[in-house]
């Protein structure tokens, strides 16, 4: 396994700007990546995640967006890439693409077929990850979903996954602080140094207080610097400062993660467009643009958070 990548601090999952005809807007994407890489406290970038609308990207586009990310950050921070596939064979192909390109690690999404009962067949989950680990020696991040999704893993299965030598971190998006703590304890007890990276953005401070090593967050594409400041304040025991930072993040959390949840990254794109960090907030179908009313609420949240006048 490649050495040197430590899962600590804040690793935003980049958004992916599109042109009006829904092609990747490379200049806007490069500018976005530069902002992320230069944000104080950012320790890595995650490409080809949910925030980048990975479900809408074909294999060539995933290779291209990863190549752009690696070129643009030019060694400033490591780039981890998402492995989003419903089959182990394709996942291996994507992992090999990532290895050849120079990615620092792999964020492995759960195949949607797992929702049909993989929780009752942990050997099926373990085999999927082992096949990837056997093919490519990059550090693996296990992507833990909420139990309600049907594709989350039990704490016991997480502990077994952590025994795979190349599993280096768990991205915990359980969205339940009780389950999050159980998962964290299971990972800590696995006998190996496996990091816990919170993706519990709706309760980020709480997850940090329980002992996360950092975060992987799509919202980091908007406020990576503030998430990093929150983590630093919690880890230093400056809880009044942490609460103050958290209070400034709350208006954005409330508007980004309001129902319907599927629109969270559309809203984040809209925020970047309002802030002038990307030219426009185009999204690929089946996602749809936000309404004018929602755009207004995003503007108000940006003001309340102190990001805009």
Protein backbone atom coordinates (compact mmCIF):
# COMPACT_ATOMS: atom_id res chain seq x y z
CA UNK A 1 0.00 0.00 0.00
CA UNK A 2 1.23 3.49 -0.76
CA UNK A 3 2.58 5.19 2.31
CA UNK A 4 2.19 8.76 3.50
CA UNK A 5 -1.58 9.32 3.25
CA UNK A 6 -3.04 10.05 6.67
CA UNK A 7 -6.76 10.52 7.03
CA UNK A 8 -6.90 13.52 9.31
CA UNK A 9 -8.43 16.98 9.11
CA UNK A 10 -10.96 18.16 6.56
CA UNK A 11 -11.16 16.60 3.11
CA UNK A 12 -13.93 18.28 1.11
CA UNK A 13 -15.69 16.35 -1.62
CA UNK A 14 -15.54 18.67 -4.61
CA UNK A 15 -18.57 19.86 -6.53
CA UNK A 16 -18.36 19.64 -10.31
CA UNK A 17 -19.34 22.70 -12.39
CA UNK A 18 -21.05 22.12 -15.72
CA UNK A 19 -21.58 24.34 -18.73
CA UNK A 20 -25.07 25.19 -20.00
CA UNK A 21 -24.94 22.13 -22.28
CA UNK A 22 -23.98 19.99 -19.25
CA UNK A 23 -20.38 19.30 -20.23
CA UNK A 24 -17.76 19.51 -17.49
CA UNK A 25 -16.72 23.16 -17.15
CA UNK A 26 -12.98 22.57 -16.83
CA UNK A 27 -11.89 26.18 -16.12
CA UNK A 28 -14.53 26.55 -13.40
CA UNK A 29 -13.64 23.14 -12.00
CA UNK A 30 -9.96 24.04 -11.82
CA UNK A 31 -10.74 27.30 -10.03
CA UNK A 32 -12.92 25.42 -7.55
CA UNK A 33 -10.14 22.90 -6.90
CA UNK A 34 -7.62 25.68 -6.32
CA UNK A 35 -9.91 27.30 -3.76
CA UNK A 36 -10.29 24.00 -1.93
CA UNK A 37 -6.59 23.15 -1.97
CA UNK A 38 -5.69 26.60 -0.66
CA UNK A 39 -8.35 26.70 2.08
CA UNK A 40 -6.75 26.67 5.55
CA UNK A 41 -6.98 23.28 7.21
CA UNK A 42 -7.78 21.25 4.10
CA UNK A 43 -5.77 18.02 4.14
CA UNK A 44 -7.08 16.37 0.98
CA UNK A 45 -9.76 16.48 -1.71
CA UNK A 46 -12.24 13.77 -2.66
CA UNK A 47 -13.13 13.62 -6.35
CA UNK A 48 -15.89 11.59 -8.00
CA UNK A 49 -18.15 11.61 -4.97
CA UNK A 50 -21.84 12.35 -4.56
CA UNK A 51 -21.02 16.06 -4.53
CA UNK A 52 -19.53 15.70 -8.03
CA UNK A 53 -22.68 13.99 -9.32
CA UNK A 54 -20.66 10.84 -9.90
CA UNK A 55 -23.78 8.85 -10.81
CA UNK A 56 -24.07 11.00 -13.95
CA UNK A 57 -20.43 10.57 -15.02
CA UNK A 58 -19.28 7.86 -17.40
CA UNK A 59 -15.95 6.11 -16.94
CA UNK A 60 -14.04 8.47 -19.23
CA UNK A 61 -15.45 11.51 -17.43
CA UNK A 62 -14.45 10.08 -14.07
CA UNK A 63 -10.93 9.53 -15.36
CA UNK A 64 -10.82 13.06 -16.75
CA UNK A 65 -12.16 14.79 -13.64
CA UNK A 66 -9.66 12.87 -11.50
CA UNK A 67 -6.82 13.80 -13.86
CA UNK A 68 -7.80 17.46 -13.67
CA UNK A 69 -7.89 17.33 -9.88
CA UNK A 70 -4.46 15.71 -9.69
CA UNK A 71 -3.03 18.22 -12.15
CA UNK A 72 -4.56 21.25 -10.50
CA UNK A 73 -3.62 20.58 -6.89
CA UNK A 74 -0.14 19.51 -8.07
CA UNK A 75 0.89 17.83 -4.85
CA UNK A 76 -0.54 20.47 -2.48
CA UNK A 77 -2.90 17.90 -0.98
CA UNK A 78 -3.67 14.25 -1.78
CA UNK A 79 -6.65 13.40 -3.98
CA UNK A 80 -8.89 10.46 -3.11
CA UNK A 81 -11.39 9.29 -5.72
CA UNK A 82 -14.77 7.64 -5.44
CA UNK A 83 -15.33 4.08 -6.65
CA UNK A 84 -19.01 4.15 -7.51
CA UNK A 85 -20.18 0.89 -9.03
CA UNK A 86 -22.80 -1.80 -8.53
CA UNK A 87 -20.41 -4.60 -9.46
CA UNK A 88 -17.09 -5.73 -8.02
CA UNK A 89 -15.58 -6.27 -11.46
CA UNK A 90 -16.27 -2.71 -12.59
CA UNK A 91 -15.16 -1.41 -9.19
CA UNK A 92 -11.78 -3.07 -9.78
CA UNK A 93 -11.53 -1.46 -13.21
CA UNK A 94 -12.27 1.96 -11.70
CA UNK A 95 -9.75 1.34 -8.92
CA UNK A 96 -7.10 0.45 -11.49
CA UNK A 97 -7.90 3.65 -13.38
CA UNK A 98 -7.36 5.57 -10.15
CA UNK A 99 -4.09 3.81 -9.41
CA UNK A 100 -2.76 4.51 -12.90
CA UNK A 101 -3.73 8.18 -12.65
CA UNK A 102 -1.95 8.71 -9.34
CA UNK A 103 -4.84 8.93 -6.88
CA UNK A 104 -3.83 8.69 -3.23
CA UNK A 105 -6.75 6.54 -2.14
CA UNK A 106 -10.17 5.09 -2.93
CA UNK A 107 -13.55 5.95 -1.42
CA UNK A 108 -15.55 2.77 -2.01
CA UNK A 109 -19.31 3.24 -2.27
CA UNK A 110 -21.62 0.35 -1.36
CA UNK A 111 -23.22 -1.30 -4.39
CA UNK A 112 -26.97 -0.66 -4.43
CA UNK A 113 -27.56 -4.42 -4.65
CA UNK A 114 -26.56 -4.48 -0.97
CA UNK A 115 -29.96 -2.99 -0.10
CA UNK A 116 -31.54 -6.38 -0.84
CA UNK A 117 -30.13 -7.97 2.29
CA UNK A 118 -26.36 -7.71 2.36
CA UNK A 119 -26.63 -6.86 6.07
CA UNK A 120 -27.56 -10.53 6.53
CA UNK A 121 -24.59 -11.63 4.41
CA UNK A 122 -21.53 -9.79 5.73
CA UNK A 123 -19.34 -12.21 3.78
CA UNK A 124 -20.74 -10.63 0.60
CA UNK A 125 -19.67 -7.17 1.78
CA UNK A 126 -16.23 -8.39 2.83
CA UNK A 127 -15.69 -10.13 -0.50
CA UNK A 128 -16.49 -6.94 -2.46
CA UNK A 129 -13.86 -4.98 -0.54
CA UNK A 130 -11.33 -7.81 -0.58
CA UNK A 131 -11.58 -8.13 -4.37
CA UNK A 132 -10.75 -4.43 -4.71
CA UNK A 133 -7.96 -4.63 -2.13
CA UNK A 134 -6.42 -7.65 -3.87
CA UNK A 135 -6.38 -5.83 -7.21
CA UNK A 136 -5.10 -2.40 -6.16
CA UNK A 137 -2.81 -1.49 -3.27
CA UNK A 138 -4.26 1.97 -2.59
CA UNK A 139 -5.66 2.94 0.82
CA UNK A 140 -9.40 2.30 0.99
CA UNK A 141 -12.05 4.42 2.67
CA UNK A 142 -15.20 2.48 3.57
CA UNK A 143 -18.30 4.58 2.91
CA UNK A 144 -20.83 3.96 5.70
CA UNK A 145 -24.43 4.90 4.81
CA UNK A 146 -27.42 5.52 7.11
CA UNK A 147 -29.22 2.35 8.23
CA UNK A 148 -32.45 3.56 6.60
CA UNK A 149 -30.73 3.44 3.20
CA UNK A 150 -30.53 -0.34 3.33
CA UNK A 151 -26.87 -0.24 2.31
CA UNK A 152 -25.24 0.69 5.61
CA UNK A 153 -22.99 -1.75 7.46
CA UNK A 154 -23.38 -2.95 11.03
CA UNK A 155 -20.66 -2.05 13.55
CA UNK A 156 -19.63 -5.71 13.48
CA UNK A 157 -19.22 -5.69 9.70
CA UNK A 158 -17.27 -2.43 9.87
CA UNK A 159 -14.92 -4.03 12.38
CA UNK A 160 -14.35 -6.96 10.00
CA UNK A 161 -13.75 -4.62 7.06
CA UNK A 162 -11.14 -2.80 9.13
CA UNK A 163 -9.10 -6.01 9.28
CA UNK A 164 -8.37 -5.71 5.55
CA UNK A 165 -4.81 -4.30 5.51
CA UNK A 166 -5.50 -1.56 2.96
CA UNK A 167 -8.62 -0.24 4.69
CA UNK A 168 -7.35 3.03 6.13
CA UNK A 169 -10.51 4.94 7.06
CA UNK A 170 -14.27 4.87 7.43
CA UNK A 171 -16.35 7.74 6.11
CA UNK A 172 -19.30 7.66 8.51
CA UNK A 173 -22.54 9.05 7.13
CA UNK A 174 -24.79 7.09 9.50
CA UNK A 175 -26.76 10.27 10.30
CA UNK A 176 -27.63 8.97 13.76
CA UNK A 177 -25.37 10.02 16.60
CA UNK A 178 -26.05 6.83 18.59
CA UNK A 179 -25.15 4.60 15.64
CA UNK A 180 -22.23 6.87 14.81
CA UNK A 181 -20.79 6.32 18.29
CA UNK A 182 -21.25 2.54 18.01
CA UNK A 183 -19.46 2.58 14.67
CA UNK A 184 -16.65 4.73 16.03
CA UNK A 185 -16.13 2.40 18.98
CA UNK A 186 -16.12 -0.64 16.69
CA UNK A 187 -13.47 0.92 14.46
CA UNK A 188 -11.35 2.02 17.42
CA UNK A 189 -11.43 -1.54 18.80
CA UNK A 190 -10.42 -3.22 15.52
CA UNK A 191 -6.75 -3.46 16.47
CA UNK A 192 -5.49 -1.38 13.54
CA UNK A 193 -5.04 2.39 13.05
CA UNK A 194 -8.18 3.01 10.97
CA UNK A 195 -9.39 6.62 10.90
CA UNK A 196 -12.99 7.75 11.31
CA UNK A 197 -13.87 10.60 8.99
CA UNK A 198 -17.23 12.12 9.82
CA UNK A 199 -19.70 12.78 7.04
CA UNK A 200 -22.36 13.60 9.62
CA UNK A 201 -22.54 17.21 8.47
CA UNK A 202 -25.91 17.85 10.07
CA UNK A 203 -24.30 17.23 13.49
CA UNK A 204 -20.65 17.80 12.68
CA UNK A 205 -19.65 19.29 16.03
CA UNK A 206 -21.24 16.39 17.92
CA UNK A 207 -19.39 13.86 15.78
CA UNK A 208 -16.11 15.73 16.33
CA UNK A 209 -16.70 15.75 20.09
CA UNK A 210 -17.06 11.97 20.06
CA UNK A 211 -13.60 11.73 18.55
CA UNK A 212 -13.61 11.80 14.75
CA UNK A 213 -10.23 12.16 13.09
CA UNK A 214 -11.63 14.57 10.52
CA UNK A 215 -14.39 14.89 7.97
CA UNK A 216 -15.20 14.16 4.35
CA UNK A 217 -18.02 16.47 3.36
CA UNK A 218 -19.67 17.84 0.25
CA UNK A 219 -20.54 20.94 2.25
CA UNK A 220 -16.80 21.39 2.59
CA UNK A 221 -16.88 22.60 -1.02
CA UNK A 222 -18.56 25.72 0.36
CA UNK A 223 -17.09 26.03 3.88
CA UNK A 224 -13.99 23.83 4.09
CA UNK A 225 -12.11 26.47 6.05
CA UNK A 226 -14.86 26.73 8.66
CA UNK A 227 -15.17 22.99 9.03
CA UNK A 228 -11.41 22.83 9.58
CA UNK A 229 -11.63 25.61 12.18
CA UNK A 230 -14.42 23.74 13.96
CA UNK A 231 -12.36 20.56 14.09
CA UNK A 232 -9.29 22.43 15.36
CA UNK A 233 -11.32 24.15 18.09
CA UNK A 234 -12.85 20.87 19.28
CA UNK A 235 -9.53 19.03 19.27
CA UNK A 236 -7.90 21.88 21.22
CA UNK A 237 -10.70 21.90 23.80
CA UNK A 238 -11.81 25.42 22.83
CA UNK A 239 -15.48 24.57 23.10
CA UNK A 240 -16.84 28.12 23.23
CA UNK A 241 -15.02 28.86 19.98
CA UNK A 242 -16.33 25.60 18.53
CA UNK A 243 -19.90 26.49 19.45
CA UNK A 244 -19.53 29.91 17.86
CA UNK A 245 -18.25 28.38 14.60
CA UNK A 246 -20.98 25.76 14.68
CA UNK A 247 -23.61 28.47 15.16
CA UNK A 248 -22.39 30.20 12.00
CA UNK A 249 -22.56 26.94 10.05
CA UNK A 250 -26.08 26.07 11.21
CA UNK A 251 -28.02 28.33 8.78
CA UNK A 252 -26.27 26.67 5.84
CA UNK A 253 -26.75 23.17 7.24
CA UNK A 254 -30.45 23.91 7.63
CA UNK A 255 -30.92 25.08 4.06
CA UNK A 256 -28.60 22.59 2.34
CA UNK A 257 -30.02 19.50 4.05
CA UNK A 258 -33.69 20.42 4.11
CA UNK A 259 -36.11 17.98 2.45
CA UNK A 260 -35.86 16.79 -0.24
CA UNK A 261 -32.40 15.55 0.67
CA UNK A 262 -31.61 14.75 -2.97
CA UNK A 263 -31.19 18.49 -3.63
CA UNK A 264 -28.37 19.02 -1.14
CA UNK A 265 -25.57 19.33 -3.69
CA UNK A 266 -27.72 21.36 -6.10
CA UNK A 267 -28.10 23.86 -3.27
CA UNK A 268 -24.38 23.88 -2.56
CA UNK A 269 -23.69 24.59 -6.23
CA UNK A 270 -26.17 27.44 -6.07
CA UNK A 271 -24.34 28.83 -3.04
CA UNK A 272 -21.04 28.77 -4.94
CA UNK A 273 -22.68 30.54 -7.87
CA UNK A 274 -24.11 33.21 -5.56
CA UNK A 275 -20.67 33.67 -4.00
CA UNK A 276 -19.09 33.97 -7.45
CA UNK A 277 -16.91 30.89 -7.06
CA UNK A 278 -18.46 29.12 -10.07
CA UNK A 279 -20.20 30.72 -13.06
CA UNK A 280 -23.49 28.81 -12.78
CA UNK A 281 -25.20 26.02 -10.86
CA UNK A 282 -26.08 23.68 -13.72
CA UNK A 283 -26.87 20.09 -12.69
CA UNK A 284 -27.34 16.96 -14.76
CA UNK A 285 -30.69 15.15 -14.93
CA UNK A 286 -32.39 13.60 -13.14
CA UNK A 287 -31.35 16.34 -10.69
CA UNK A 288 -33.18 19.62 -11.20
CA UNK A 289 -32.17 23.25 -10.56
CA UNK A 290 -33.34 24.89 -7.36
CA UNK A 291 -36.37 27.17 -7.45
CA UNK A 292 -36.16 30.94 -7.13
CA UNK A 293 -37.71 30.70 -3.65
CA UNK A 294 -35.03 28.26 -2.60
CA UNK A 295 -32.34 30.41 -4.16
CA UNK A 296 -33.57 33.24 -1.95
CA UNK A 297 -33.35 31.03 1.14
CA UNK A 298 -29.77 30.11 0.23
CA UNK A 299 -28.88 33.80 -0.08
CA UNK A 300 -30.34 34.46 3.37
CA UNK A 301 -28.41 31.53 4.84
CA UNK A 302 -25.15 32.77 3.32
CA UNK A 303 -25.73 36.16 4.92
CA UNK A 304 -26.65 34.64 8.28
CA UNK A 305 -23.46 32.57 8.17
CA UNK A 306 -21.36 35.63 7.38
CA UNK A 307 -20.26 34.42 3.96
CA UNK A 308 -21.94 37.22 2.04
CA UNK A 309 -23.12 40.74 2.74
